[in-house]
C-alpha atoms as a PDB file:
ATOM      1  CA  TYR A   1      58.810  83.790  85.402  1.00  0.00           C
ATOM      2  CA  ILE A   2      57.620  84.378  81.884  1.00  0.00           C
ATOM      3  CA  ALA A   3      58.044  87.171  79.342  1.00  0.00           C
ATOM      4  CA  ILE A   4      55.353  87.334  76.673  1.00  0.00           C
ATOM      5  CA  THR A   5      55.647  89.436  73.529  1.00  0.00           C
ATOM      6  CA  GLY A   6      52.759  90.420  71.311  1.00  0.00           C
ATOM      7  CA  ILE A   7      54.933  91.934  68.609  1.00  0.00           C
ATOM      8  CA  ASN A   8      53.640  89.520  65.978  1.00  0.00           C
ATOM      9  CA  HIS A   9      50.113  90.732  66.738  1.00  0.00           C
ATOM     10  CA  ASP A  10      51.016  94.461  66.634  1.00  0.00           C
ATOM     11  CA  ASP A  11      50.897  94.640  70.436  1.00  0.00           C
ATOM     12  CA  PRO A  12      54.017  96.431  71.784  1.00  0.00           C
ATOM     13  CA  GLY A  13      52.953  96.216  75.452  1.00  0.00           C
ATOM     14  CA  ASN A  14      55.009  94.931  78.385  1.00  0.00           C
ATOM     15  CA  TYR A  15      53.975  91.506  79.690  1.00  0.00           C
ATOM     16  CA  LEU A  16      56.116  90.092  82.499  1.00  0.00           C
ATOM     17  CA  TYR A  17      54.620  87.567  84.901  1.00  0.00           C
ATOM     18  CA  VAL A  18      55.586  85.532  87.952  1.00  0.00           C
ATOM     19  CA  SER A  19      53.939  82.477  89.463  1.00  0.00           C
ATOM     20  CA  GLU A  20      54.441  81.504  93.096  1.00  0.00           C
ATOM     21  CA  ASP A  21      52.362  78.301  92.875  1.00  0.00           C
ATOM     22  CA  TYR A  22      54.015  76.396  90.026  1.00  0.00           C
ATOM     23  CA  GLY A  23      51.889  77.976  87.300  1.00  0.00           C
ATOM     24  CA  LYS A  24      48.397  77.712  88.777  1.00  0.00           C
ATOM     25  CA  SER A  25      48.136  81.502  88.859  1.00  0.00           C
ATOM     26  CA  TRP A  26      50.217  84.359  87.414  1.00  0.00           C
ATOM     27  CA  ASN A  27      50.782  87.968  88.536  1.00  0.00           C
ATOM     28  CA  LEU A  28      51.826  90.842  86.289  1.00  0.00           C
ATOM     29  CA  ILE A  29      55.090  92.390  87.529  1.00  0.00           C
ATOM     30  CA  ASN A  30      55.793  95.211  85.075  1.00  0.00           C
ATOM     31  CA  SER A  31      54.921  97.924  87.704  1.00  0.00           C
ATOM     32  CA  ASP A  32      56.865 101.076  86.663  1.00  0.00           C
ATOM     33  CA  LEU A  33      58.646  99.586  83.647  1.00  0.00           C
ATOM     34  CA  PRO A  34      58.216 101.333  80.278  1.00  0.00           C
ATOM     35  CA  ASP A  35      55.282  99.966  78.327  1.00  0.00           C
ATOM     36  CA  GLU A  36      57.459  98.334  75.692  1.00  0.00           C
ATOM     37  CA  ILE A  37      58.202  94.798  74.551  1.00  0.00           C
ATOM     38  CA  ALA A  38      59.893  92.554  77.138  1.00  0.00           C
ATOM     39  CA  ASN A  39      61.896  89.649  75.746  1.00  0.00           C
ATOM     40  CA  VAL A  40      63.396  88.045  78.862  1.00  0.00           C
ATOM     41  CA  ILE A  41      63.344  88.061  82.664  1.00  0.00           C
ATOM     42  CA  ILE A  42      65.743  86.228  85.006  1.00  0.00           C
ATOM     43  CA  GLU A  43      66.316  85.972  88.746  1.00  0.00           C
ATOM     44  CA  ASP A  44      69.640  86.626  90.416  1.00  0.00           C
ATOM     45  CA  PRO A  45      71.246  83.339  91.602  1.00  0.00           C
ATOM     46  CA  THR A  46      72.213  84.835  94.970  1.00  0.00           C
ATOM     47  CA  ASN A  47      69.054  86.748  95.872  1.00  0.00           C
ATOM     48  CA  GLU A  48      65.484  86.021  94.776  1.00  0.00           C
ATOM     49  CA  ASN A  49      64.514  89.677  95.228  1.00  0.00           C
ATOM     50  CA  ILE A  50      66.871  90.834  92.471  1.00  0.00           C
ATOM     51  CA  LEU A  51      65.422  90.527  88.975  1.00  0.00           C
ATOM     52  CA  TYR A  52      66.737  91.526  85.556  1.00  0.00           C
ATOM     53  CA  ALA A  53      64.525  92.217  82.539  1.00  0.00           C
ATOM     54  CA  GLY A  54      65.556  92.642  78.925  1.00  0.00           C
ATOM     55  CA  LEU A  55      63.275  95.098  77.134  1.00  0.00           C
ATOM     56  CA  TYR A  56      63.018  96.677  73.720  1.00  0.00           C
ATOM     57  CA  ARG A  57      65.335  99.540  74.716  1.00  0.00           C
ATOM     58  CA  GLY A  58      67.589  98.279  77.487  1.00  0.00           C
ATOM     59  CA  VAL A  59      68.124  96.202  80.625  1.00  0.00           C
ATOM     60  CA  TYR A  60      66.224  96.927  83.840  1.00  0.00           C
ATOM     61  CA  ILE A  61      66.837  95.778  87.410  1.00  0.00           C
ATOM     62  CA  SER A  62      64.615  95.369  90.441  1.00  0.00           C
ATOM     63  CA  THR A  63      66.015  94.828  93.943  1.00  0.00           C
ATOM     64  CA  ASP A  64      62.605  94.491  95.615  1.00  0.00           C
ATOM     65  CA  ARG A  65      61.099  91.618  93.609  1.00  0.00           C
ATOM     66  CA  ALA A  66      59.482  93.771  90.899  1.00  0.00           C
ATOM     67  CA  LYS A  67      57.847  96.391  93.125  1.00  0.00           C
ATOM     68  CA  THR A  68      60.075  98.973  91.409  1.00  0.00           C
ATOM     69  CA  TRP A  69      62.436  98.872  88.432  1.00  0.00           C
ATOM     70  CA  SER A  70      65.437 100.959  87.370  1.00  0.00           C
ATOM     71  CA  LEU A  71      67.362 101.224  84.120  1.00  0.00           C
ATOM     72  CA  LEU A  72      70.594  99.244  84.471  1.00  0.00           C
ATOM     73  CA  GLY A  73      73.562 100.864  82.750  1.00  0.00           C
ATOM     74  CA  PRO A  74      72.221 103.952  80.943  1.00  0.00           C
ATOM     75  CA  GLU A  75      75.228 103.937  78.590  1.00  0.00           C
ATOM     76  CA  LEU A  76      74.088 100.671  77.039  1.00  0.00           C
ATOM     77  CA  PRO A  77      72.721 101.474  73.552  1.00  0.00           C
ATOM     78  CA  ALA A  78      68.947 101.846  73.498  1.00  0.00           C
ATOM     79  CA  CYS A  79      68.454  98.623  71.571  1.00  0.00           C
ATOM     80  CA  ALA A  80      66.399  95.455  71.877  1.00  0.00           C
ATOM     81  CA  ILE A  81      67.758  92.980  74.422  1.00  0.00           C
ATOM     82  CA  SER A  82      67.355  89.524  72.931  1.00  0.00           C
ATOM     83  CA  ASP A  83      68.527  87.491  75.929  1.00  0.00           C
ATOM     84  CA  LEU A  84      70.180  87.696  79.352  1.00  0.00           C
ATOM     85  CA  VAL A  85      72.372  85.145  81.111  1.00  0.00           C
ATOM     86  CA  ILE A  86      74.398  85.230  84.341  1.00  0.00           C
ATOM     87  CA  GLN A  87      77.840  83.616  84.323  1.00  0.00           C
ATOM     88  CA  GLU A  88      77.857  82.447  87.938  1.00  0.00           C
ATOM     89  CA  ARG A  89      81.600  81.766  88.252  1.00  0.00           C
ATOM     90  CA  GLU A  90      82.545  85.348  87.328  1.00  0.00           C
ATOM     91  CA  MET A  91      79.144  86.710  88.452  1.00  0.00           C
ATOM     92  CA  ASP A  92      78.799  88.675  85.214  1.00  0.00           C
ATOM     93  CA  LEU A  93      75.500  89.611  83.611  1.00  0.00           C
ATOM     94  CA  VAL A  94      75.727  89.125  79.840  1.00  0.00           C
ATOM     95  CA  ALA A  95      73.235  90.809  77.504  1.00  0.00           C
ATOM     96  CA  GLY A  96      72.725  89.797  73.905  1.00  0.00           C
ATOM     97  CA  THR A  97      71.218  92.550  71.744  1.00  0.00           C
ATOM     98  CA  HIS A  98      69.513  92.734  68.376  1.00  0.00           C
ATOM     99  CA  GLY A  99      72.150  94.209  66.066  1.00  0.00           C
ATOM    100  CA  ARG A 100      74.432  95.907  68.602  1.00  0.00           C
ATOM    101  CA  GLY A 101      76.586  93.035  69.871  1.00  0.00           C
ATOM    102  CA  ILE A 102      77.050  91.483  73.309  1.00  0.00           C
ATOM    103  CA  TYR A 103      77.656  93.381  76.556  1.00  0.00           C
ATOM    104  CA  LYS A 104      78.583  92.302  80.065  1.00  0.00           C
ATOM    105  CA  MET A 105      78.844  93.812  83.530  1.00  0.00           C
ATOM    106  CA  SER A 106      79.887  92.559  86.938  1.00  0.00           C
ATOM    107  CA  LEU A 107      77.074  92.043  89.439  1.00  0.00           C
ATOM    108  CA  LYS A 108      79.376  91.974  92.468  1.00  0.00           C
ATOM    109  CA  PRO A 109      78.921  95.687  93.355  1.00  0.00           C
ATOM    110  CA  ILE A 110      75.142  95.272  93.166  1.00  0.00           C
ATOM    111  CA  HIS A 111      75.301  92.282  95.510  1.00  0.00           C
ATOM    112  CA  GLU A 112      77.586  94.202  97.883  1.00  0.00           C
ATOM    113  CA  TRP A 113      75.163  97.128  97.927  1.00  0.00           C
ATOM    114  CA  VAL A 114      72.026  95.017  98.435  1.00  0.00           C
ATOM    115  CA  GLN A 115      73.612  92.992 101.255  1.00  0.00           C
ATOM    116  CA  GLY A 116      74.863  96.097 103.068  1.00  0.00           C
ATOM    117  CA  GLN A 117      72.057  98.597 102.501  1.00  0.00           C
ATOM    118  CA  ASP A 118      71.575  99.120 106.228  1.00  0.00           C
ATOM    119  CA  THR A 119      75.261  99.844 106.878  1.00  0.00           C
ATOM    120  CA  ILE A 120      76.612 101.349 103.639  1.00  0.00           C
ATOM    121  CA  SER A 121      76.994 105.130 103.714  1.00  0.00           C
ATOM    122  CA  PRO A 122      75.161 107.303 101.126  1.00  0.00           C
ATOM    123  CA  ASP A 123      78.502 107.824  99.320  1.00  0.00           C
ATOM    124  CA  TYR A 124      80.373 104.542  98.986  1.00  0.00           C
ATOM    125  CA  LEU A 125      83.307 103.053  97.075  1.00  0.00           C
ATOM    126  CA  PHE A 126      82.950  99.330  96.406  1.00  0.00           C
ATOM    127  CA  ASN A 127      85.690  96.709  96.528  1.00  0.00           C
ATOM    128  CA  ILE A 128      87.992  96.954  93.501  1.00  0.00           C
ATOM    129  CA  PRO A 129      88.950  93.681  91.792  1.00  0.00           C
ATOM    130  CA  VAL A 130      92.578  92.752  91.163  1.00  0.00           C
ATOM    131  CA  ALA A 131      93.909  94.613  88.114  1.00  0.00           C
ATOM    132  CA  LYS A 132      96.143  92.876  85.585  1.00  0.00           C
ATOM    133  CA  LEU A 133      98.842  94.743  83.644  1.00  0.00           C
ATOM    134  CA  PRO A 134      99.050  94.057  79.898  1.00  0.00           C
ATOM    135  CA  LYS A 135     101.437  91.484  78.510  1.00  0.00           C
ATOM    136  CA  ARG A 136     104.801  92.759  77.223  1.00  0.00           C
ATOM    137  CA  ASN A 137     106.759  91.349  74.317  1.00  0.00           C
ATOM    138  CA  ASP A 138     110.208  89.941  75.088  1.00  0.00           C
ATOM    139  CA  THR A 139     112.451  91.941  72.780  1.00  0.00           C
ATOM    140  CA  HIS A 140     111.440  95.600  73.080  1.00  0.00           C
ATOM    141  CA  ARG A 141     109.121  95.338  76.094  1.00  0.00           C
ATOM    142  CA  ASP A 142     106.313  96.889  74.083  1.00  0.00           C
ATOM    143  CA  ILE A 143     102.826  95.942  75.182  1.00  0.00           C
ATOM    144  CA  GLU A 144     100.403  93.645  73.443  1.00  0.00           C
ATOM    145  CA  TYR A 145      97.381  95.892  73.072  1.00  0.00           C
ATOM    146  CA  THR A 146      95.011  92.938  72.794  1.00  0.00           C
ATOM    147  CA  SER A 147      95.957  91.959  76.367  1.00  0.00           C
ATOM    148  CA  MET A 148      94.917  95.302  77.903  1.00  0.00           C
ATOM    149  CA  GLN A 149      92.143  94.883  80.458  1.00  0.00           C
ATOM    150  CA  LYS A 150      90.122  97.567  82.187  1.00  0.00           C
ATOM    151  CA  VAL A 151      89.472  97.422  85.912  1.00  0.00           C
ATOM    152  CA  PRO A 152      86.047  98.666  87.084  1.00  0.00           C
ATOM    153  CA  ILE A 153      86.038 101.308  89.830  1.00  0.00           C
ATOM    154  CA  THR A 154      82.468 101.336  91.115  1.00  0.00           C
ATOM    155  CA  PHE A 155      81.006 103.823  93.580  1.00  0.00           C
ATOM    156  CA  PHE A 156      77.655 105.141  94.775  1.00  0.00           C
ATOM    157  CA  CYS A 157      76.843 108.853  95.045  1.00  0.00           C
ATOM    158  CA  GLU A 158      74.002 110.418  96.976  1.00  0.00           C
ATOM    159  CA  LYS A 159      74.125 113.465  94.674  1.00  0.00           C
ATOM    160  CA  ALA A 160      75.417 114.039  91.159  1.00  0.00           C
ATOM    161  CA  GLY A 161      78.554 116.134  90.655  1.00  0.00           C
ATOM    162  CA  LYS A 162      82.184 116.181  89.613  1.00  0.00           C
ATOM    163  CA  VAL A 163      84.595 113.832  91.379  1.00  0.00           C
ATOM    164  CA  LEU A 164      88.331 113.307  91.167  1.00  0.00           C
ATOM    165  CA  ILE A 165      89.537 109.714  90.901  1.00  0.00           C
ATOM    166  CA  SER A 166      93.221 109.221  91.738  1.00  0.00           C
ATOM    167  CA  LEU A 167      95.797 106.483  92.301  1.00  0.00           C
ATOM    168  CA  GLN A 168      98.043 106.954  95.308  1.00  0.00           C
ATOM    169  CA  ASP A 169     101.427 105.340  95.892  1.00  0.00           C
ATOM    170  CA  GLY A 170     101.974 106.258  99.524  1.00  0.00           C
ATOM    171  CA  GLU A 171     101.767 110.054  99.607  1.00  0.00           C
ATOM    172  CA  LYS A 172     102.394 110.405  95.870  1.00  0.00           C
ATOM    173  CA  THR A 173      99.621 110.778  93.308  1.00  0.00           C
ATOM    174  CA  ILE A 174     100.652 108.927  90.163  1.00  0.00           C
ATOM    175  CA  TRP A 175      97.415 109.219  88.189  1.00  0.00           C
ATOM    176  CA  SER A 176      94.153 111.178  88.386  1.00  0.00           C
ATOM    177  CA  ARG A 177      91.051 111.762  86.296  1.00  0.00           C
ATOM    178  CA  GLU A 178      87.954 113.962  86.662  1.00  0.00           C
ATOM    179  CA  PHE A 179      84.634 112.170  86.326  1.00  0.00           C
ATOM    180  CA  ASP A 180      81.057 113.456  86.096  1.00  0.00           C
ATOM    181  CA  ALA A 181      79.258 111.280  88.635  1.00  0.00           C
ATOM    182  CA  SER A 182      75.530 110.627  88.485  1.00  0.00           C
ATOM    183  CA  GLU A 183      73.197 110.145  91.416  1.00  0.00           C
ATOM    184  CA  GLY A 184      73.293 106.456  92.358  1.00  0.00           C
ATOM    185  CA  PHE A 185      75.649 103.853  90.895  1.00  0.00           C
ATOM    186  CA  ASN A 186      78.693 104.966  88.913  1.00  0.00           C
ATOM    187  CA  GLN A 187      81.513 103.025  87.310  1.00  0.00           C
ATOM    188  CA  TYR A 188      84.787 104.191  85.781  1.00  0.00           C
ATOM    189  CA  ARG A 189      86.597 101.509  83.766  1.00  0.00           C
ATOM    190  CA  TRP A 190      90.327 102.264  83.990  1.00  0.00           C
ATOM    191  CA  ASP A 191      92.802 100.834  81.464  1.00  0.00           C
ATOM    192  CA  LEU A 192      95.719 101.221  83.961  1.00  0.00           C
ATOM    193  CA  VAL A 193      97.387 103.862  81.766  1.00  0.00           C
ATOM    194  CA  ILE A 194      98.940 106.559  83.986  1.00  0.00           C
ATOM    195  CA  SER A 195     100.459 108.693  81.194  1.00  0.00           C
ATOM    196  CA  GLU A 196     100.682 108.919  77.413  1.00  0.00           C
ATOM    197  CA  THR A 197     103.618 110.123  75.306  1.00  0.00           C
ATOM    198  CA  ASP A 198     103.152 111.815  71.929  1.00  0.00           C
ATOM    199  CA  ASN A 199     106.505 111.091  70.283  1.00  0.00           C
ATOM    200  CA  GLN A 200     107.044 111.332  66.522  1.00  0.00           C
ATOM    201  CA  LEU A 201     110.529 109.789  66.481  1.00  0.00           C
ATOM    202  CA  PRO A 202     110.983 106.801  64.142  1.00  0.00           C
ATOM    203  CA  TYR A 203     110.509 103.392  65.769  1.00  0.00           C
ATOM    204  CA  PHE A 204     109.197 104.889  69.017  1.00  0.00           C
ATOM    205  CA  ILE A 205     106.796 102.375  70.541  1.00  0.00           C
ATOM    206  CA  HIS A 206     106.428 103.121  74.257  1.00  0.00           C
ATOM    207  CA  TYR A 207     103.475 105.493  74.039  1.00  0.00           C
ATOM    208  CA  LEU A 208     101.713 104.273  77.173  1.00  0.00           C
ATOM    209  CA  SER A 209     103.042 104.125  80.734  1.00  0.00           C
ATOM    210  CA  PHE A 210     101.683 101.848  83.439  1.00  0.00           C
ATOM    211  CA  PRO A 211     102.249 101.557  87.201  1.00  0.00           C
ATOM    212  CA  GLN A 212     104.479  98.834  88.564  1.00  0.00           C
ATOM    213  CA  ALA A 213     102.847  95.774  90.045  1.00  0.00           C
ATOM    214  CA  GLY A 214     102.038  96.311  93.701  1.00  0.00           C
ATOM    215  CA  GLU A 215      99.548  97.637  96.241  1.00  0.00           C
ATOM    216  CA  TYR A 216      98.064 101.101  95.770  1.00  0.00           C
ATOM    217  CA  LYS A 217      95.151 103.163  96.991  1.00  0.00           C
ATOM    218  CA  VAL A 218      92.305 104.563  94.888  1.00  0.00           C
ATOM    219  CA  ASN A 219      90.791 107.803  96.150  1.00  0.00           C
ATOM    220  CA  ILE A 220      87.537 109.389  95.006  1.00  0.00           C
ATOM    221  CA  GLU A 221      86.990 112.942  96.203  1.00  0.00           C
ATOM    222  CA  SER A 222      84.361 115.631  95.764  1.00  0.00           C
ATOM    223  CA  ASP A 223      83.187 118.691  97.657  1.00  0.00           C
ATOM    224  CA  ALA A 224      80.901 116.413  99.682  1.00  0.00           C
ATOM    225  CA  PHE A 225      82.958 113.283 100.391  1.00  0.00           C
ATOM    226  CA  SER A 226      86.318 111.526 100.307  1.00  0.00           C
ATOM    227  CA  LEU A 227      86.435 107.758  99.710  1.00  0.00           C
ATOM    228  CA  SER A 228      89.338 105.317  99.411  1.00  0.00           C
ATOM    229  CA  ARG A 229      89.979 101.638  98.693  1.00  0.00           C
ATOM    230  CA  ASN A 230      93.065  99.500  98.208  1.00  0.00           C
ATOM    231  CA  ILE A 231      93.795  98.119  94.759  1.00  0.00           C
ATOM    232  CA  LYS A 232      96.199  95.331  93.853  1.00  0.00           C
ATOM    233  CA  ILE A 233      97.895  95.453  90.446  1.00  0.00           C
ATOM    234  CA  ILE A 234      99.609  92.293  89.185  1.00  0.00           C
ATOM    235  CA  ASN A 235     101.741  91.407  86.181  1.00  0.00           C
ATOM    236  CA  TRP A 236     100.479  89.365  83.276  1.00  0.00           C
ATOM    237  CA  PHE A 237     101.496  85.729  83.713  1.00  0.00           C
END
């Protein structure tokens, strides 16, 4: 694969190519991508049909070897993507931008969806990774905010609409949140906070409450569907 930029020659067009014969011939694979500068293109390490392209205003993905492309993560700032790399151990896609920092996302839900396209239902909740509670200090059991980690709850919707995401402990709902779901992939990144306390007393420090370590169930419900998955929450070690 090769990404060619003509920006130094006042050419802002999109030039992405692939060669299937070790460089003897090259085919243009920009198909339905925006006609804007492309800085990088990489292939997924698990599936040659999945490609990622870093353009002048975002990251795009193809799951059919560049026949069609889709914007990946519309909440990523519309900025120039300087480079892309896949951390294969964690299976994270990392994007370096021009002036807006570094971003990452897990590719595991995408792999799960591509591998199971023939069997996955139109509305689907993907496997949820193990969630880790924040570290607590010894003396007052207050949390170390720098140790807080968000767990991604990823699901696919056939139609856009409001959904209710909840955490169930047996028959008891201990946390819930409304979410405006889009058509297609959605992801809610939960910080494991189940309640917040607004207390003005001096020396009060326990503003955030978290669930105990254990096994729970995440439910996602709308007027059209009801989905559920188990989630394991562990203590910080």
